[in-house]
Amino acid sequence: MADHGTPHFANDAGVSVIHIGAKEFQCIGAKPPFDHPHIFLDMGSDDEIICPYCSTLYKFRADLHADQSDPAACLWKAPAAA
């Protein structure tokens, strides 16, 4: 990511799994204003993790960049500060 921040992902669509290109990220549940507390998750040496707050399953995929997800709509970026 350009700003080297932690990527944030949301599961508004309620998909069964979100494939991501990062092993350290934050799950926000759904996009604001319906988000849950932003939970920092670290897969470590594993390739998948379940958010303990919303039960979304995330799976690491090496062909994705850290700021990419499949489905693509699951990546969330905060609006730029005015």
Protein backbone atom coordinates (compact mmCIF):
# COMPACT_ATOMS: atom_id res chain seq x y z
CA MET A 1 0.00 0.00 0.00
CA ALA A 2 1.21 3.46 -0.73
CA ASP A 3 0.87 4.65 2.85
CA HIS A 4 2.22 1.36 4.28
CA GLY A 5 -0.79 1.15 6.60
CA THR A 6 -2.52 -1.99 7.73
CA PRO A 7 -5.13 -3.11 5.19
CA HIS A 8 -8.76 -3.26 6.36
CA PHE A 9 -11.31 -5.74 5.07
CA ALA A 10 -15.10 -5.95 5.44
CA ASN A 11 -17.67 -8.61 4.64
CA ASP A 12 -20.82 -6.66 3.73
CA ALA A 13 -21.75 -9.29 1.15
CA GLY A 14 -21.67 -12.09 3.71
CA VAL A 15 -19.38 -14.30 1.60
CA SER A 16 -18.15 -17.56 3.10
CA VAL A 17 -14.46 -16.73 2.61
CA ILE A 18 -12.40 -13.66 1.73
CA HIS A 19 -9.06 -14.28 0.03
CA ILE A 20 -6.49 -11.61 0.86
CA GLY A 21 -2.86 -10.83 0.08
CA ALA A 22 -1.88 -9.84 3.63
CA LYS A 23 -1.24 -11.92 6.70
CA GLU A 24 -1.57 -8.95 9.07
CA PHE A 25 -4.71 -6.86 8.65
CA GLN A 26 -7.80 -5.50 10.36
CA CYS A 27 -11.30 -6.91 10.06
CA ILE A 28 -14.01 -4.29 10.38
CA GLY A 29 -16.98 -6.65 9.87
CA ALA A 30 -19.01 -4.38 7.60
CA LYS A 31 -18.31 -0.99 6.09
CA PRO A 32 -19.10 2.05 8.26
CA PRO A 33 -21.43 2.94 9.82
CA PHE A 34 -22.20 -0.76 10.42
CA ASP A 35 -18.64 -1.81 11.27
CA HIS A 36 -17.63 -3.68 14.40
CA PRO A 37 -14.56 -2.66 16.42
CA HIS A 38 -11.57 -2.92 14.09
CA ILE A 39 -9.89 -6.19 15.05
CA PHE A 40 -6.17 -6.63 14.25
CA LEU A 41 -5.51 -10.16 13.01
CA ASP A 42 -2.17 -11.85 12.37
CA MET A 43 -2.08 -15.22 10.57
CA GLY A 44 1.54 -15.85 11.54
CA SER A 45 2.67 -19.01 9.75
CA ASP A 46 -0.91 -20.09 8.99
CA ASP A 47 -2.73 -19.38 5.74
CA GLU A 48 -6.16 -18.70 7.22
CA ILE A 49 -7.79 -17.09 10.23
CA ILE A 50 -11.31 -16.48 11.50
CA CYS A 51 -12.26 -13.11 12.93
CA PRO A 52 -13.31 -13.78 16.54
CA TYR A 53 -15.78 -10.91 16.41
CA CYS A 54 -17.79 -11.62 13.22
CA SER A 55 -16.59 -15.13 12.26
CA THR A 56 -15.45 -14.10 8.77
CA LEU A 57 -12.94 -16.61 7.37
CA TYR A 58 -9.89 -15.03 5.73
CA LYS A 59 -7.49 -17.05 3.57
CA PHE A 60 -4.08 -15.84 2.41
CA ARG A 61 -3.40 -15.96 -1.32
CA ALA A 62 0.15 -15.19 -2.43
CA ASP A 63 -0.94 -13.97 -5.88
CA LEU A 64 -2.75 -11.00 -4.30
CA HIS A 65 -1.04 -7.81 -3.13
CA ALA A 66 -1.49 -6.72 0.50
CA ASP A 67 -4.13 -4.21 -0.59
CA GLN A 68 -6.18 -6.68 -2.63
CA SER A 69 -8.99 -9.07 -1.82
CA ASP A 70 -11.18 -11.56 -3.64
CA PRO A 71 -13.96 -10.50 -3.80
CA ALA A 72 -12.43 -7.08 -4.52
CA ALA A 73 -15.28 -5.21 -2.80
CA CYS A 74 -14.13 -6.57 0.58
CA LEU A 75 -11.15 -4.19 0.74
CA TRP A 76 -12.04 -1.05 2.69
CA LYS A 77 -10.11 2.19 2.54
CA ALA A 78 -10.89 5.07 4.87
CA PRO A 79 -11.98 8.23 3.09
CA ALA A 80 -9.16 10.76 2.71
CA ALA A 81 -9.15 13.44 5.38
CA ALA A 82 -10.40 16.77 4.08
